[in-house]
Amino acid sequence: MKRILVLGAGLSATSLIDYLLKHSEIEDWQLRIGNRHTEKTREKIAGHPRGEAIKFDVQNQAQIDEEVKGCDIAVSFLPARFHALIAEACVKHGKHMVTASYVSKEMQALDKSAKDKGIVMLNELGVDPGIDHMSAMRVIDDIRDQGGKMLAFSSSTGGLIAPEYDNNPWHYKFTWNPRNVVLAGQATSCYLENNKYKYIPYHQLFTRTAKTEVLDFGKFEIYPNRDSLSYRKTYGLEDIPSIFRGTFRRPGYCKAWNVFVQLGLTDDTVIYEGDENTSYREFINSFLPYDPERSVEDKICSMLHLDPDGEIMEKFEWLGIFEDTPINMKNASPAEILQSILEEKLALGENDKDMIVMQHKFVYEQDGVKKGRKSSFAYIGKDQTQTAMAITVGIPAAIAVRLLAIGEIKLTGVHTPVIPELYNPILDELEKYDIQFIEEDMEV
């Protein structure tokens, strides 16, 4: 019997836990699921005889050692900053590990030790990173196998509201951690275009957008996503002239979000001195020039050259940021207060469904002819628990756990799913969940 330890039982782990429990009887697995709140974990297990909920404290090193020592595979769905603690215990006790998060420097440093122990540490097995890697590498390897030379690669992903439930002027609702949305893009983004390095500082990020269409889901805009340059090594594209990664939003979102950036409302480095009785309107006014003769709306429009009757101001008025509602927070950063304000209006409704959208574009030369290919998918969640985000993060990792548990993965060391041994079986099984890419020729 294989013993699988799952640490973390938040929303993104829901589909993973369901998948592993579903296969546990057939494959003879026992799941031990650790989380701070055992009641929530028990709800996810729903009385399944192969699942056990335990109270887990990631700050308790003795408990980490004890739990990892007693398992065959450890799955960390904890916040990314804690993965290294679990990874070190896995190396110490010779246990395999799976995560959905980016490979950190601390994780990569364990590569040799993991190989020496004969264990594998599989990372970046969610949606982004994860499905993006696998789907892109399958096409890139296919192009190479046919003698093609890659000239340009772009990849964009977005967690959005499904079209049927898109009913606000922002055309956006929080479908994952709101804090990550508010703080998105605060490092300089960089990419490569026609062998020219391009750098976009945060204060310009949401003004440098591109447009595209995805399948029959309409128009989207794309803003640059962090460091695209590192993916040259990840995908074996060291000599490619152009490489870019981006994030999808619906048209109009970025211009409006840029106002928050320019005002400084996404700053998480200072504490706002107002008290909990400060109104939304007073909070916004704190970031505008002092002029008691002019309204908050007038000052914003003047400072940022906005049309008072335009779409951007309509978005802000809909959010209620000019109202006298108290912020009900103290000792909080502007970013934390903004997040609280946005959560009132941009939260998923009780019956809403979310959507994941992803698209890759490939330009390559084959037999002296320049060609283009486009690979896209969109996936709509089932409900508030089985969201598109939860499914596309949890299921790829769960499939990897199963393949590892039944002995179909023979790797050792630290890996991401950019090799056929990993991406082919995982992508093939994802098609059973209607997570499937549509490929089209593209004009270049």
Protein backbone atom coordinates (compact mmCIF):
# COMPACT_ATOMS: atom_id res chain seq x y z
CA MET A 1 0.00 0.00 0.00
CA LYS A 2 1.30 3.45 -0.99
CA ARG A 3 0.99 6.23 1.58
CA ILE A 4 0.41 9.68 0.10
CA LEU A 5 0.80 12.76 2.28
CA VAL A 6 -1.02 15.89 1.09
CA LEU A 7 -0.09 19.07 2.93
CA GLY A 8 -2.49 21.97 2.41
CA ALA A 9 -6.18 21.57 1.71
CA GLY A 10 -7.22 24.95 0.29
CA LEU A 11 -9.40 25.52 -2.75
CA SER A 12 -6.67 24.62 -5.25
CA ALA A 13 -6.16 21.25 -3.53
CA THR A 14 -9.82 20.25 -3.80
CA SER A 15 -9.61 18.60 -7.22
CA LEU A 16 -6.30 16.93 -6.35
CA ILE A 17 -7.78 15.36 -3.22
CA ASP A 18 -10.89 14.20 -5.09
CA TYR A 19 -8.76 12.63 -7.83
CA LEU A 20 -6.46 10.81 -5.41
CA LEU A 21 -9.35 9.50 -3.32
CA LYS A 22 -11.11 8.32 -6.47
CA HIS A 23 -8.07 6.24 -7.45
CA SER A 24 -7.13 5.14 -3.93
CA GLU A 25 -9.24 1.96 -3.78
CA ILE A 26 -8.06 0.65 -7.15
CA GLU A 27 -4.40 1.54 -6.60
CA ASP A 28 -4.37 0.68 -2.86
CA TRP A 29 -3.38 4.09 -1.51
CA GLN A 30 -3.94 5.70 1.85
CA LEU A 31 -4.17 9.50 1.95
CA ARG A 32 -3.15 11.53 4.96
CA ILE A 33 -4.17 15.16 4.50
CA GLY A 34 -2.66 17.82 6.72
CA ASN A 35 -4.06 21.31 7.17
CA ARG A 36 -4.46 23.92 9.88
CA HIS A 37 -8.23 23.40 9.94
CA THR A 38 -9.17 19.73 10.13
CA GLU A 39 -12.91 20.40 9.81
CA LYS A 40 -12.48 21.80 6.30
CA THR A 41 -10.26 18.86 5.41
CA ARG A 42 -12.86 16.38 6.64
CA GLU A 43 -15.42 18.07 4.41
CA LYS A 44 -13.18 17.46 1.40
CA ILE A 45 -12.62 13.82 2.39
CA ALA A 46 -16.41 13.38 2.87
CA GLY A 47 -16.05 10.18 4.89
CA HIS A 48 -13.94 8.33 2.32
CA PRO A 49 -12.31 5.35 4.07
CA ARG A 50 -8.98 5.95 2.33
CA GLY A 51 -8.63 9.53 3.58
CA GLU A 52 -7.54 10.82 6.97
CA ALA A 53 -7.51 14.45 8.12
CA ILE A 54 -4.78 15.63 10.47
CA LYS A 55 -4.04 18.98 12.05
CA PHE A 56 -0.76 20.14 10.56
CA ASP A 57 1.53 22.97 11.67
CA VAL A 58 4.18 23.82 9.07
CA GLN A 59 6.18 25.63 11.77
CA ASN A 60 6.57 22.35 13.68
CA GLN A 61 9.73 20.75 12.27
CA ALA A 62 9.27 17.59 14.33
CA GLN A 63 5.82 17.08 12.83
CA ILE A 64 7.14 17.69 9.30
CA ASP A 65 9.80 15.03 9.83
CA GLU A 66 7.34 12.57 11.32
CA GLU A 67 4.74 12.95 8.57
CA VAL A 68 7.23 12.88 5.68
CA LYS A 69 9.05 9.88 7.13
CA GLY A 70 5.79 7.94 7.22
CA CYS A 71 4.78 8.54 3.59
CA ASP A 72 5.91 7.38 0.15
CA ILE A 73 5.01 10.59 -1.70
CA ALA A 74 4.61 14.06 -0.20
CA VAL A 75 2.42 16.59 -2.03
CA SER A 76 2.82 20.20 -0.95
CA PHE A 77 -0.10 22.51 -1.66
CA LEU A 78 1.07 24.83 1.07
CA PRO A 79 2.03 28.45 0.28
CA ALA A 80 5.13 28.36 -1.91
CA ARG A 81 7.42 29.77 0.79
CA PHE A 82 7.02 26.53 2.77
CA HIS A 83 7.89 24.06 0.00
CA ALA A 84 11.59 24.09 0.86
CA LEU A 85 10.84 22.88 4.40
CA ILE A 86 8.96 19.89 3.03
CA ALA A 87 11.56 19.29 0.32
CA GLU A 88 14.41 19.16 2.84
CA ALA A 89 12.50 16.57 4.86
CA CYS A 90 11.84 14.56 1.69
CA VAL A 91 15.55 14.47 0.89
CA LYS A 92 16.39 13.57 4.49
CA HIS A 93 13.99 10.62 4.51
CA GLY A 94 14.22 9.63 0.84
CA LYS A 95 10.64 10.44 -0.18
CA HIS A 96 9.29 11.68 -3.53
CA MET A 97 7.67 15.11 -3.67
CA VAL A 98 5.17 16.90 -5.94
CA THR A 99 4.20 20.59 -6.01
CA ALA A 100 2.37 22.91 -8.39
CA SER A 101 4.65 25.88 -7.69
CA TYR A 102 7.66 27.41 -9.42
CA VAL A 103 11.05 25.86 -8.68
CA SER A 104 12.69 28.09 -6.10
CA LYS A 105 16.45 28.49 -5.68
CA GLU A 106 16.16 26.46 -2.47
CA MET A 107 14.37 23.66 -4.30
CA GLN A 108 16.81 23.62 -7.22
CA ALA A 109 19.71 23.43 -4.77
CA LEU A 110 18.40 20.02 -3.66
CA ASP A 111 18.74 18.48 -7.13
CA LYS A 112 21.98 16.56 -6.48
CA SER A 113 20.87 15.42 -3.03
CA ALA A 114 17.59 14.15 -4.48
CA LYS A 115 19.46 12.22 -7.18
CA ASP A 116 21.78 10.75 -4.59
CA LYS A 117 18.73 9.59 -2.62
CA GLY A 118 17.07 8.19 -5.75
CA ILE A 119 13.99 10.41 -5.37
CA VAL A 120 12.25 12.82 -7.71
CA MET A 121 10.87 16.27 -6.90
CA LEU A 122 8.27 17.27 -9.47
CA ASN A 123 7.39 20.96 -9.62
CA GLU A 124 5.35 23.41 -11.70
CA LEU A 125 2.48 20.97 -12.17
CA GLY A 126 -0.47 23.37 -11.99
CA VAL A 127 -1.95 25.50 -14.75
CA ASP A 128 0.59 28.34 -14.97
CA PRO A 129 3.15 27.04 -14.33
CA GLY A 130 2.22 23.57 -15.47
CA ILE A 131 -0.22 23.10 -18.31
CA ASP A 132 1.45 26.04 -20.04
CA HIS A 133 4.83 24.24 -19.98
CA MET A 134 3.46 20.91 -21.11
CA SER A 135 1.29 22.17 -23.94
CA ALA A 136 3.98 24.51 -25.25
CA MET A 137 6.75 21.92 -25.12
CA ARG A 138 4.67 19.33 -26.94
CA VAL A 139 4.30 21.73 -29.88
CA ILE A 140 7.88 23.00 -29.73
CA ASP A 141 9.23 19.43 -29.75
CA ASP A 142 6.91 18.55 -32.64
CA ILE A 143 8.19 21.53 -34.66
CA ARG A 144 11.79 20.54 -33.95
CA ASP A 145 11.11 16.90 -34.85
CA GLN A 146 9.85 18.07 -38.24
CA GLY A 147 13.03 20.06 -38.85
CA GLY A 148 11.61 23.44 -37.90
CA LYS A 149 13.58 26.23 -36.26
CA MET A 150 11.77 28.38 -33.71
CA LEU A 151 11.77 32.12 -34.44
CA ALA A 152 9.18 33.46 -32.00
CA PHE A 153 7.16 32.12 -29.09
CA SER A 154 4.51 33.81 -26.99
CA SER A 155 2.29 32.40 -24.27
CA SER A 156 -0.49 34.03 -22.25
CA THR A 157 -2.85 32.77 -19.55
CA GLY A 158 -5.69 34.34 -17.63
CA GLY A 159 -8.04 33.42 -14.82
CA LEU A 160 -11.30 35.21 -15.64
CA ILE A 161 -15.03 35.09 -15.17
CA ALA A 162 -16.92 32.83 -17.59
CA PRO A 163 -18.77 34.84 -20.29
CA GLU A 164 -22.24 33.91 -19.02
CA TYR A 165 -21.42 35.47 -15.63
CA ASP A 166 -19.55 38.53 -16.91
CA ASN A 167 -21.93 41.17 -15.57
CA ASN A 168 -19.86 44.12 -14.35
CA PRO A 169 -18.05 46.99 -16.12
CA TRP A 170 -14.61 45.55 -15.25
CA HIS A 171 -15.43 42.25 -16.99
CA TYR A 172 -13.45 40.67 -14.18
CA LYS A 173 -13.98 38.89 -10.87
CA PHE A 174 -11.50 37.38 -8.44
CA THR A 175 -11.05 33.75 -9.42
CA TRP A 176 -7.92 33.18 -7.31
CA ASN A 177 -6.07 34.86 -4.45
CA PRO A 178 -7.14 38.55 -4.56
CA ARG A 179 -3.91 39.65 -2.90
CA ASN A 180 -1.88 38.21 -5.78
CA VAL A 181 -4.06 40.12 -8.24
CA VAL A 182 -3.59 43.43 -6.43
CA LEU A 183 0.18 42.96 -6.24
CA ALA A 184 0.61 41.52 -9.74
CA GLY A 185 3.45 42.77 -11.90
CA GLN A 186 5.36 44.82 -9.33
CA ALA A 187 8.75 43.66 -10.59
CA THR A 188 10.07 44.90 -13.93
CA SER A 189 8.86 42.70 -16.78
CA CYS A 190 11.28 41.70 -19.52
CA TYR A 191 11.03 39.91 -22.84
CA LEU A 192 12.81 39.60 -26.18
CA GLU A 193 11.53 40.98 -29.48
CA ASN A 194 13.49 40.53 -32.71
CA ASN A 195 16.70 40.08 -30.71
CA LYS A 196 16.05 43.31 -28.78
CA TYR A 197 15.70 43.15 -25.00
CA LYS A 198 12.62 44.96 -23.72
CA TYR A 199 12.07 46.01 -20.11
CA ILE A 200 8.84 47.40 -18.73
CA PRO A 201 8.85 48.94 -15.23
CA TYR A 202 5.79 48.48 -13.08
CA HIS A 203 4.51 52.04 -13.53
CA GLN A 204 4.26 51.41 -17.30
CA LEU A 205 3.16 47.77 -17.25
CA PHE A 206 -0.56 48.27 -17.77
CA THR A 207 -0.04 50.77 -20.59
CA ARG A 208 1.95 48.33 -22.75
CA THR A 209 -0.70 45.85 -23.81
CA ALA A 210 -1.45 43.75 -26.86
CA LYS A 211 -4.74 42.41 -28.22
CA THR A 212 -5.81 38.97 -29.41
CA GLU A 213 -8.81 36.67 -29.79
CA VAL A 214 -9.06 33.19 -28.32
CA LEU A 215 -11.23 30.58 -30.05
CA ASP A 216 -14.86 31.74 -29.90
CA PHE A 217 -14.47 33.52 -26.56
CA GLY A 218 -13.95 36.94 -28.07
CA LYS A 219 -11.33 39.63 -27.54
CA PHE A 220 -8.69 39.86 -24.84
CA GLU A 221 -5.87 42.20 -23.94
CA ILE A 222 -2.49 41.02 -22.70
CA TYR A 223 -0.06 42.67 -20.30
CA PRO A 224 3.54 41.36 -19.91
CA ASN A 225 4.08 38.78 -17.20
CA ARG A 226 7.30 39.09 -15.23
CA ASP A 227 10.49 37.54 -16.63
CA SER A 228 9.90 35.98 -20.04
CA LEU A 229 13.63 35.64 -20.67
CA SER A 230 14.14 32.77 -18.23
CA TYR A 231 11.87 30.58 -20.35
CA ARG A 232 14.51 30.42 -23.06
CA LYS A 233 16.39 27.93 -20.89
CA THR A 234 13.23 26.21 -19.64
CA TYR A 235 12.08 25.46 -23.19
CA GLY A 236 15.50 25.02 -24.77
CA LEU A 237 15.06 28.19 -26.84
CA GLU A 238 18.34 29.89 -25.99
CA ASP A 239 18.79 31.27 -29.52
CA ILE A 240 15.19 32.34 -30.21
CA PRO A 241 14.87 35.97 -31.44
CA SER A 242 11.49 36.65 -29.75
CA ILE A 243 9.93 35.28 -26.58
CA PHE A 244 7.08 36.75 -24.52
CA ARG A 245 4.75 35.67 -21.74
CA GLY A 246 1.64 37.59 -20.76
CA THR A 247 -1.54 37.68 -18.70
CA PHE A 248 -5.03 37.89 -20.20
CA ARG A 249 -7.68 40.41 -19.22
CA ARG A 250 -10.75 41.63 -21.07
CA PRO A 251 -10.36 44.89 -23.04
CA GLY A 252 -10.49 48.02 -20.88
CA TYR A 253 -9.30 46.40 -17.66
CA CYS A 254 -5.64 47.42 -17.94
CA LYS A 255 -6.28 51.14 -18.54
CA ALA A 256 -8.49 51.25 -15.48
CA TRP A 257 -6.13 49.20 -13.30
CA ASN A 258 -3.31 51.52 -14.31
CA VAL A 259 -5.07 54.33 -12.42
CA PHE A 260 -4.67 52.36 -9.19
CA VAL A 261 -0.99 51.87 -9.99
CA GLN A 262 -0.38 55.55 -10.79
CA LEU A 263 -2.14 56.70 -7.63
CA GLY A 264 -0.08 54.32 -5.49
CA LEU A 265 -3.02 52.27 -4.24
CA THR A 266 -1.25 48.96 -4.94
CA ASP A 267 1.67 49.85 -2.64
CA ASP A 268 2.19 47.18 0.00
CA THR A 269 5.30 48.71 1.57
CA VAL A 270 3.78 51.43 3.77
CA ILE A 271 1.06 51.60 6.41
CA TYR A 272 -1.88 53.89 5.77
CA GLU A 273 -2.29 56.20 8.77
CA GLY A 274 -6.05 56.68 8.59
CA ASP A 275 -8.26 54.78 11.02
CA GLU A 276 -11.05 52.31 10.36
CA ASN A 277 -13.62 55.10 10.11
CA THR A 278 -11.84 56.62 7.11
CA SER A 279 -14.18 56.48 4.14
CA TYR A 280 -13.40 55.07 0.72
CA ARG A 281 -13.60 58.62 -0.60
CA GLU A 282 -11.16 59.97 1.99
CA PHE A 283 -8.81 57.08 1.32
CA ILE A 284 -8.71 57.85 -2.41
CA ASN A 285 -8.34 61.56 -1.71
CA SER A 286 -5.25 60.84 0.40
CA PHE A 287 -3.39 60.02 -2.81
CA LEU A 288 -4.46 63.16 -4.66
CA PRO A 289 -3.16 66.75 -4.47
CA TYR A 290 -4.55 68.93 -1.69
CA ASP A 291 -7.23 71.16 -3.14
CA PRO A 292 -10.36 71.54 -0.98
CA GLU A 293 -12.11 73.45 -3.75
CA ARG A 294 -12.16 70.50 -6.12
CA SER A 295 -13.91 67.15 -5.89
CA VAL A 296 -12.09 63.82 -5.69
CA GLU A 297 -13.50 62.88 -9.11
CA ASP A 298 -12.29 66.12 -10.66
CA LYS A 299 -8.79 65.71 -9.24
CA ILE A 300 -8.45 62.14 -10.53
CA CYS A 301 -9.61 63.14 -13.99
CA SER A 302 -7.29 66.13 -14.10
CA MET A 303 -4.26 64.31 -12.71
CA LEU A 304 -4.58 61.26 -14.99
CA HIS A 305 -6.25 62.90 -18.01
CA LEU A 306 -9.46 60.88 -17.73
CA ASP A 307 -12.81 61.62 -19.35
CA PRO A 308 -15.27 62.35 -16.49
CA ASP A 309 -17.98 60.54 -18.46
CA GLY A 310 -15.71 57.81 -19.83
CA GLU A 311 -15.51 54.07 -19.23
CA ILE A 312 -12.72 54.27 -16.66
CA MET A 313 -14.66 56.57 -14.36
CA GLU A 314 -17.72 54.40 -14.88
CA LYS A 315 -15.71 51.45 -13.56
CA PHE A 316 -14.63 53.38 -10.47
CA GLU A 317 -18.10 54.68 -9.73
CA TRP A 318 -19.46 51.13 -10.01
CA LEU A 319 -16.87 49.97 -7.46
CA GLY A 320 -18.11 52.62 -5.04
CA ILE A 321 -14.64 54.03 -4.33
CA PHE A 322 -16.03 57.58 -4.14
CA GLU A 323 -18.60 56.70 -1.48
CA ASP A 324 -18.50 57.44 2.24
CA THR A 325 -18.34 53.75 3.22
CA PRO A 326 -15.80 53.22 6.05
CA ILE A 327 -12.73 51.14 5.16
CA ASN A 328 -13.02 49.25 8.49
CA MET A 329 -9.26 48.65 8.56
CA LYS A 330 -6.33 50.08 10.45
CA ASN A 331 -2.58 49.43 10.33
CA ALA A 332 -3.05 48.21 6.77
CA SER A 333 -1.16 48.98 3.58
CA PRO A 334 -2.85 50.80 0.68
CA ALA A 335 -2.79 47.49 -1.24
CA GLU A 336 -4.59 45.69 1.59
CA ILE A 337 -7.24 48.41 1.77
CA LEU A 338 -7.71 48.40 -2.00
CA GLN A 339 -8.07 44.63 -1.92
CA SER A 340 -10.77 44.89 0.74
CA ILE A 341 -12.65 47.49 -1.31
CA LEU A 342 -12.45 45.41 -4.50
CA GLU A 343 -13.51 42.18 -2.81
CA GLU A 344 -16.88 43.76 -2.03
CA LYS A 345 -17.74 44.05 -5.72
CA LEU A 346 -15.42 41.68 -7.61
CA ALA A 347 -16.00 38.49 -5.64
CA LEU A 348 -17.50 35.50 -7.44
CA GLY A 349 -21.25 35.32 -6.96
CA GLU A 350 -22.89 32.27 -5.43
CA ASN A 351 -23.73 30.77 -8.81
CA ASP A 352 -20.86 32.21 -10.85
CA LYS A 353 -18.40 30.09 -12.80
CA ASP A 354 -14.83 31.01 -13.61
CA MET A 355 -12.76 30.40 -16.74
CA ILE A 356 -9.13 29.68 -17.57
CA VAL A 357 -7.91 30.90 -20.96
CA MET A 358 -4.51 30.03 -22.44
CA GLN A 359 -2.94 30.61 -25.83
CA HIS A 360 0.47 29.92 -27.34
CA LYS A 361 1.73 31.34 -30.63
CA PHE A 362 4.66 29.79 -32.48
CA VAL A 363 6.55 31.21 -35.46
CA TYR A 364 9.13 28.95 -37.05
CA GLU A 365 11.04 28.29 -40.24
CA GLN A 366 10.76 24.93 -41.98
CA ASP A 367 12.32 24.06 -45.35
CA GLY A 368 13.01 27.74 -45.95
CA VAL A 369 9.38 28.74 -45.35
CA LYS A 370 8.21 30.83 -42.39
CA LYS A 371 5.17 29.27 -40.70
CA GLY A 372 2.93 30.00 -37.75
CA ARG A 373 0.89 27.87 -35.39
CA LYS A 374 -1.54 28.81 -32.63
CA SER A 375 -2.57 26.54 -29.74
CA SER A 376 -5.44 27.61 -27.47
CA PHE A 377 -7.73 26.31 -24.77
CA ALA A 378 -10.46 27.68 -22.57
CA TYR A 379 -11.99 25.84 -19.65
CA ILE A 380 -15.05 26.81 -17.61
CA GLY A 381 -15.41 25.71 -13.99
CA LYS A 382 -18.24 23.55 -12.71
CA ASP A 383 -19.21 25.40 -9.51
CA GLN A 384 -17.77 27.35 -6.58
CA THR A 385 -15.76 24.36 -5.36
CA GLN A 386 -14.72 22.72 -8.61
CA THR A 387 -13.62 25.98 -10.18
CA ALA A 388 -11.66 26.13 -13.41
CA MET A 389 -8.69 27.36 -11.39
CA ALA A 390 -8.93 24.55 -8.83
CA ILE A 391 -9.32 21.88 -11.51
CA THR A 392 -6.51 23.08 -13.76
CA VAL A 393 -4.14 23.49 -10.81
CA GLY A 394 -5.08 20.31 -8.94
CA ILE A 395 -5.61 17.71 -11.65
CA PRO A 396 -2.19 17.92 -13.40
CA ALA A 397 -0.44 17.53 -10.04
CA ALA A 398 -2.75 14.66 -9.10
CA ILE A 399 -2.03 12.85 -12.37
CA ALA A 400 1.69 13.23 -11.70
CA VAL A 401 1.23 11.74 -8.22
CA ARG A 402 -0.61 8.75 -9.70
CA LEU A 403 2.05 8.16 -12.36
CA LEU A 404 4.72 8.35 -9.70
CA ALA A 405 2.86 6.03 -7.34
CA ILE A 406 2.37 3.32 -9.98
CA GLY A 407 5.98 3.50 -11.07
CA GLU A 408 5.59 5.10 -14.50
CA ILE A 409 7.92 7.99 -13.64
CA LYS A 410 11.52 6.82 -13.27
CA LEU A 411 13.20 10.22 -12.88
CA THR A 412 15.37 11.41 -10.01
CA GLY A 413 16.29 14.94 -9.01
CA VAL A 414 14.36 18.20 -9.41
CA HIS A 415 12.17 18.41 -12.52
CA THR A 416 9.51 20.46 -14.28
CA PRO A 417 7.15 18.92 -16.89
CA VAL A 418 9.03 20.00 -20.02
CA ILE A 419 10.09 16.51 -21.09
CA PRO A 420 7.94 13.98 -23.01
CA GLU A 421 8.10 11.47 -20.15
CA LEU A 422 6.06 13.91 -18.08
CA TYR A 423 4.04 16.05 -20.48
CA ASN A 424 2.71 13.32 -22.79
CA PRO A 425 0.90 11.12 -20.22
CA ILE A 426 -0.35 14.11 -18.23
CA LEU A 427 -1.71 15.98 -21.27
CA ASP A 428 -3.28 12.79 -22.59
CA GLU A 429 -5.16 12.24 -19.34
CA LEU A 430 -6.15 15.89 -19.07
CA GLU A 431 -8.12 15.45 -22.29
CA LYS A 432 -10.49 13.18 -20.33
CA TYR A 433 -11.34 16.31 -18.31
CA ASP A 434 -11.95 18.36 -21.49
CA ILE A 435 -8.69 20.21 -20.90
CA GLN A 436 -7.66 20.11 -24.52
CA PHE A 437 -5.84 22.47 -26.86
CA ILE A 438 -7.09 23.47 -30.28
CA GLU A 439 -4.31 23.98 -32.81
CA GLU A 440 -4.63 26.26 -35.83
CA ASP A 441 -2.33 27.51 -38.53
CA MET A 442 -1.48 31.19 -38.10
CA GLU A 443 -0.54 33.83 -40.63
CA VAL A 444 2.96 35.28 -40.20
